[in-house]
Each structure stands twice: as C-alpha cells, then as structure tokens.
C-alpha cells in the first residue's frame, strides 16, 4: 500500500460520523497520478459493490467519485491543476 492510499484510508476513518446530513472534508497535496492511485486503493479497501460507486467526473484534469457506504457516502476528488486530493464524508446516502 502506498503512502497516499494510507493517508486516504486514515482520513476517511478520522472524519467523525455526524447525525445530520453534514459533510466533513479533508485535503492533502499530492500529484494527480498518486491521487488517482490512492483513490482506486481507497475504493478497493471500502469493498463496496460496483453499484455503490458513482464516477461523477472523469477527465484528464479531475476525477470525482462518490462511494456509498453503510453510514452515508464518501466523495474522493483528485485535481490535476491543484495537485490535491479532497475527501468528503457525508452522513447522507442515497
């Protein structure tokens, strides 16, 4: 497991679950390529069915994927122009 995917997994676990439909975000600077690898590794670690993974944006400059989990959803965004990964956890599911 690479350093980026470890951060992503820890960031998801560190964001507390909230009773309302509030969202919590965290971000880290990293290359777009490392971010995409961390995004893929994090999705694999969440071990959700393919129907619970929604690719919102998938371009050469940005990827944004929503993963529905038992207690809400997680959005993982990679931005090439910003060299940044943003992870947003929301208690709001489908």
N, C-alpha and C. Protein backbone atom coordinates (compact mmCIF):
# COMPACT_ATOMS: atom_id res chain seq x y z
N UNK A 1 0.86 -1.17 0.00
CA UNK A 1 0.00 0.00 0.00
C UNK A 1 0.90 1.23 0.00
N UNK A 2 0.59 2.21 -0.87
CA UNK A 2 1.44 3.38 -0.93
C UNK A 2 1.02 4.42 0.10
N UNK A 3 1.88 5.42 0.28
CA UNK A 3 1.66 6.44 1.29
C UNK A 3 0.35 7.20 1.08
N UNK A 4 0.00 7.49 -0.18
CA UNK A 4 -1.23 8.22 -0.48
C UNK A 4 -2.47 7.44 -0.09
N UNK A 5 -2.48 6.13 -0.37
CA UNK A 5 -3.66 5.35 -0.04
C UNK A 5 -3.79 5.18 1.47
N UNK A 6 -2.67 5.12 2.17
CA UNK A 6 -2.72 5.04 3.64
C UNK A 6 -3.34 6.31 4.19
N UNK A 7 -2.90 7.48 3.65
CA UNK A 7 -3.48 8.74 4.11
C UNK A 7 -4.97 8.78 3.84
N UNK A 8 -5.35 8.37 2.64
CA UNK A 8 -6.77 8.41 2.27
C UNK A 8 -7.60 7.54 3.20
N UNK A 9 -7.13 6.35 3.49
CA UNK A 9 -7.86 5.45 4.38
C UNK A 9 -7.94 6.04 5.79
N UNK A 10 -6.85 6.61 6.28
CA UNK A 10 -6.86 7.22 7.61
C UNK A 10 -7.76 8.44 7.64
N UNK A 11 -7.76 9.23 6.57
CA UNK A 11 -8.60 10.42 6.52
C UNK A 11 -10.07 10.04 6.59
N UNK A 12 -10.44 8.99 5.90
CA UNK A 12 -11.84 8.55 5.93
C UNK A 12 -12.22 8.10 7.33
N UNK A 13 -11.34 7.36 7.99
CA UNK A 13 -11.66 6.86 9.33
C UNK A 13 -11.64 7.98 10.36
N UNK A 14 -10.84 9.03 10.13
CA UNK A 14 -10.70 10.10 11.11
C UNK A 14 -11.87 11.07 11.09
N UNK A 15 -12.62 11.11 10.01
CA UNK A 15 -13.74 12.03 9.91
C UNK A 15 -14.91 11.43 10.68
N UNK A 16 -15.37 12.11 11.72
CA UNK A 16 -16.43 11.51 12.53
C UNK A 16 -17.76 11.46 11.80
N UNK A 17 -18.53 10.44 12.11
CA UNK A 17 -19.89 10.34 11.56
C UNK A 17 -20.75 11.39 12.25
N UNK A 18 -21.66 11.99 11.53
CA UNK A 18 -22.48 13.06 12.05
C UNK A 18 -23.94 12.64 11.92
N UNK A 19 -24.77 12.98 12.89
CA UNK A 19 -26.17 12.56 12.89
C UNK A 19 -26.99 13.26 11.80
N UNK A 20 -26.66 14.49 11.47
CA UNK A 20 -27.39 15.19 10.40
C UNK A 20 -26.68 14.95 9.08
N UNK A 21 -27.18 15.58 8.03
CA UNK A 21 -26.59 15.40 6.70
C UNK A 21 -25.40 16.32 6.49
N UNK A 22 -24.63 16.55 7.51
CA UNK A 22 -23.46 17.41 7.41
C UNK A 22 -22.33 16.67 6.70
N UNK A 23 -21.41 17.44 6.18
CA UNK A 23 -20.26 16.85 5.49
C UNK A 23 -18.98 17.36 6.13
N UNK A 24 -17.98 16.51 6.14
CA UNK A 24 -16.66 16.85 6.65
C UNK A 24 -15.65 16.57 5.56
N UNK A 25 -14.74 17.51 5.32
CA UNK A 25 -13.75 17.33 4.26
C UNK A 25 -12.34 17.47 4.80
N UNK A 26 -11.43 16.79 4.13
CA UNK A 26 -10.01 16.95 4.40
C UNK A 26 -9.29 16.92 3.05
N UNK A 27 -8.15 17.58 2.99
CA UNK A 27 -7.41 17.60 1.73
C UNK A 27 -5.92 17.45 2.00
N UNK A 28 -5.23 17.00 0.96
CA UNK A 28 -3.78 16.84 1.04
C UNK A 28 -3.20 17.11 -0.35
N UNK A 29 -2.04 17.71 -0.38
CA UNK A 29 -1.37 17.96 -1.65
C UNK A 29 -0.66 16.69 -2.11
N UNK A 30 -0.86 16.34 -3.38
CA UNK A 30 -0.17 15.21 -3.98
C UNK A 30 -0.36 15.29 -5.48
N UNK A 31 0.48 14.59 -6.21
CA UNK A 31 0.36 14.61 -7.66
C UNK A 31 -0.95 13.95 -8.08
N UNK A 32 -1.41 14.31 -9.26
CA UNK A 32 -2.65 13.77 -9.79
C UNK A 32 -2.55 12.25 -9.92
N UNK A 33 -1.41 11.77 -10.38
CA UNK A 33 -1.22 10.33 -10.57
C UNK A 33 -1.26 9.58 -9.23
N UNK A 34 -0.59 10.12 -8.22
CA UNK A 34 -0.63 9.48 -6.90
C UNK A 34 -2.03 9.54 -6.31
N UNK A 35 -2.71 10.64 -6.55
CA UNK A 35 -4.08 10.78 -6.06
C UNK A 35 -4.99 9.74 -6.69
N UNK A 36 -4.87 9.55 -8.00
CA UNK A 36 -5.71 8.56 -8.67
C UNK A 36 -5.43 7.15 -8.14
N UNK A 37 -4.17 6.85 -7.87
CA UNK A 37 -3.83 5.54 -7.31
C UNK A 37 -4.41 5.39 -5.91
N UNK A 38 -4.31 6.44 -5.10
CA UNK A 38 -4.87 6.41 -3.75
C UNK A 38 -6.39 6.29 -3.80
N UNK A 39 -7.02 6.97 -4.76
CA UNK A 39 -8.46 6.90 -4.93
C UNK A 39 -8.88 5.45 -5.24
N UNK A 40 -8.20 4.82 -6.17
CA UNK A 40 -8.52 3.44 -6.54
C UNK A 40 -8.30 2.49 -5.36
N UNK A 41 -7.19 2.67 -4.63
CA UNK A 41 -6.90 1.81 -3.48
C UNK A 41 -7.93 1.99 -2.37
N UNK A 42 -8.34 3.23 -2.14
CA UNK A 42 -9.33 3.50 -1.10
C UNK A 42 -10.67 2.87 -1.45
N UNK A 43 -11.08 3.00 -2.70
CA UNK A 43 -12.34 2.39 -3.14
C UNK A 43 -12.28 0.88 -2.98
N UNK A 44 -11.14 0.28 -3.33
CA UNK A 44 -10.98 -1.17 -3.18
C UNK A 44 -11.06 -1.57 -1.71
N UNK A 45 -10.46 -0.77 -0.83
CA UNK A 45 -10.47 -1.07 0.61
C UNK A 45 -11.87 -0.96 1.20
N UNK A 46 -12.69 -0.07 0.66
CA UNK A 46 -14.06 0.07 1.16
C UNK A 46 -14.91 -1.15 0.81
N UNK A 47 -14.49 -1.90 -0.21
CA UNK A 47 -15.11 -3.17 -0.56
C UNK A 47 -16.63 -3.07 -0.72
N UNK A 48 -17.05 -2.11 -1.56
CA UNK A 48 -18.48 -1.94 -1.82
C UNK A 48 -18.82 -2.50 -3.20
N UNK A 49 -20.07 -2.87 -3.42
CA UNK A 49 -20.46 -3.39 -4.73
C UNK A 49 -20.33 -2.29 -5.81
N UNK A 50 -20.10 -2.69 -7.06
CA UNK A 50 -19.93 -1.71 -8.15
C UNK A 50 -21.10 -0.73 -8.26
N UNK A 51 -22.31 -1.14 -7.91
CA UNK A 51 -23.46 -0.25 -7.98
C UNK A 51 -23.42 0.88 -6.96
N UNK A 52 -22.54 0.76 -5.95
CA UNK A 52 -22.40 1.80 -4.93
C UNK A 52 -21.26 2.76 -5.24
N UNK A 53 -20.69 2.66 -6.43
CA UNK A 53 -19.60 3.54 -6.86
C UNK A 53 -20.10 4.36 -8.04
N UNK A 54 -20.07 5.69 -7.89
CA UNK A 54 -20.56 6.58 -8.95
C UNK A 54 -19.42 7.50 -9.37
N UNK A 55 -19.02 7.38 -10.63
CA UNK A 55 -17.98 8.26 -11.17
C UNK A 55 -18.66 9.54 -11.66
N UNK A 56 -18.51 10.61 -10.89
CA UNK A 56 -19.18 11.87 -11.18
C UNK A 56 -18.44 12.63 -12.27
N UNK A 57 -17.12 12.72 -12.14
CA UNK A 57 -16.26 13.39 -13.12
C UNK A 57 -15.08 12.47 -13.39
N UNK A 58 -14.72 12.33 -14.66
CA UNK A 58 -13.56 11.51 -15.01
C UNK A 58 -12.91 12.11 -16.25
N UNK A 59 -12.05 13.11 -16.03
CA UNK A 59 -11.35 13.76 -17.14
C UNK A 59 -9.85 13.68 -16.89
N UNK A 60 -9.08 14.21 -17.83
CA UNK A 60 -7.62 14.21 -17.66
C UNK A 60 -7.16 15.22 -16.62
N UNK A 61 -8.06 16.10 -16.16
CA UNK A 61 -7.70 17.11 -15.17
C UNK A 61 -8.33 16.88 -13.81
N UNK A 62 -9.41 16.08 -13.75
CA UNK A 62 -10.10 15.87 -12.49
C UNK A 62 -10.87 14.55 -12.49
N UNK A 63 -10.83 13.90 -11.34
CA UNK A 63 -11.71 12.76 -11.11
C UNK A 63 -12.46 13.01 -9.81
N UNK A 64 -13.73 12.64 -9.80
CA UNK A 64 -14.56 12.75 -8.60
C UNK A 64 -15.45 11.52 -8.55
N UNK A 65 -15.31 10.77 -7.47
CA UNK A 65 -16.06 9.53 -7.33
C UNK A 65 -16.78 9.51 -5.99
N UNK A 66 -18.07 9.18 -6.03
CA UNK A 66 -18.85 9.02 -4.80
C UNK A 66 -18.99 7.53 -4.53
N UNK A 67 -18.73 7.16 -3.29
CA UNK A 67 -18.87 5.78 -2.85
C UNK A 67 -19.90 5.76 -1.73
N UNK A 68 -20.97 5.00 -1.94
CA UNK A 68 -21.99 4.87 -0.90
C UNK A 68 -21.55 3.80 0.08
N UNK A 69 -21.54 4.17 1.36
CA UNK A 69 -21.15 3.26 2.43
C UNK A 69 -22.32 3.14 3.40
N UNK A 70 -22.19 2.26 4.36
CA UNK A 70 -23.31 1.95 5.27
C UNK A 70 -23.85 3.18 5.99
N UNK A 71 -22.98 4.11 6.36
CA UNK A 71 -23.44 5.27 7.15
C UNK A 71 -23.46 6.57 6.35
N UNK A 72 -23.52 6.50 5.01
CA UNK A 72 -23.58 7.70 4.20
C UNK A 72 -22.84 7.54 2.89
N UNK A 73 -21.97 8.50 2.60
CA UNK A 73 -21.18 8.40 1.38
C UNK A 73 -19.86 9.12 1.54
N UNK A 74 -18.93 8.76 0.67
CA UNK A 74 -17.61 9.38 0.64
C UNK A 74 -17.37 9.85 -0.78
N UNK A 75 -16.93 11.09 -0.95
CA UNK A 75 -16.55 11.60 -2.26
C UNK A 75 -15.05 11.80 -2.25
N UNK A 76 -14.38 11.21 -3.22
CA UNK A 76 -12.93 11.33 -3.36
C UNK A 76 -12.66 12.10 -4.65
N UNK A 77 -12.01 13.24 -4.52
CA UNK A 77 -11.73 14.11 -5.66
C UNK A 77 -10.23 14.26 -5.84
N UNK A 78 -9.78 14.13 -7.09
CA UNK A 78 -8.39 14.38 -7.46
C UNK A 78 -8.37 15.51 -8.47
N UNK A 79 -7.54 16.52 -8.23
CA UNK A 79 -7.45 17.67 -9.12
C UNK A 79 -6.02 17.83 -9.61
N UNK A 80 -5.84 17.72 -10.94
CA UNK A 80 -4.51 17.91 -11.52
C UNK A 80 -4.04 19.35 -11.40
N UNK A 81 -4.88 20.36 -11.73
CA UNK A 81 -4.40 21.75 -11.63
C UNK A 81 -3.98 22.14 -10.21
N UNK A 82 -4.66 21.59 -9.21
CA UNK A 82 -4.35 21.93 -7.82
C UNK A 82 -3.36 20.97 -7.17
N UNK A 83 -3.08 19.84 -7.83
CA UNK A 83 -2.26 18.79 -7.22
C UNK A 83 -2.78 18.49 -5.81
N UNK A 84 -4.06 18.14 -5.74
CA UNK A 84 -4.70 17.97 -4.45
C UNK A 84 -5.70 16.82 -4.48
N UNK A 85 -5.81 16.15 -3.34
CA UNK A 85 -6.85 15.16 -3.10
C UNK A 85 -7.77 15.71 -2.01
N UNK A 86 -9.06 15.65 -2.26
CA UNK A 86 -10.04 16.07 -1.26
C UNK A 86 -10.96 14.88 -0.99
N UNK A 87 -11.14 14.57 0.29
CA UNK A 87 -12.03 13.50 0.70
C UNK A 87 -13.14 14.12 1.53
N UNK A 88 -14.39 13.91 1.10
CA UNK A 88 -15.54 14.44 1.82
C UNK A 88 -16.41 13.29 2.26
N UNK A 89 -16.68 13.23 3.55
CA UNK A 89 -17.55 12.18 4.10
C UNK A 89 -18.85 12.85 4.53
N UNK A 90 -19.95 12.27 4.09
CA UNK A 90 -21.27 12.80 4.41
C UNK A 90 -22.12 11.70 5.01
N UNK A 91 -22.99 12.10 5.93
CA UNK A 91 -23.91 11.11 6.50
C UNK A 91 -25.09 10.88 5.59
N UNK A 92 -25.17 11.65 4.51
CA UNK A 92 -26.26 11.50 3.56
C UNK A 92 -25.91 10.43 2.52
N UNK A 93 -26.77 9.44 2.43
CA UNK A 93 -26.57 8.37 1.45
C UNK A 93 -27.40 8.61 0.22
N UNK A 94 -28.00 7.58 -0.27
CA UNK A 94 -28.81 7.71 -1.49
C UNK A 94 -30.04 8.47 -1.24
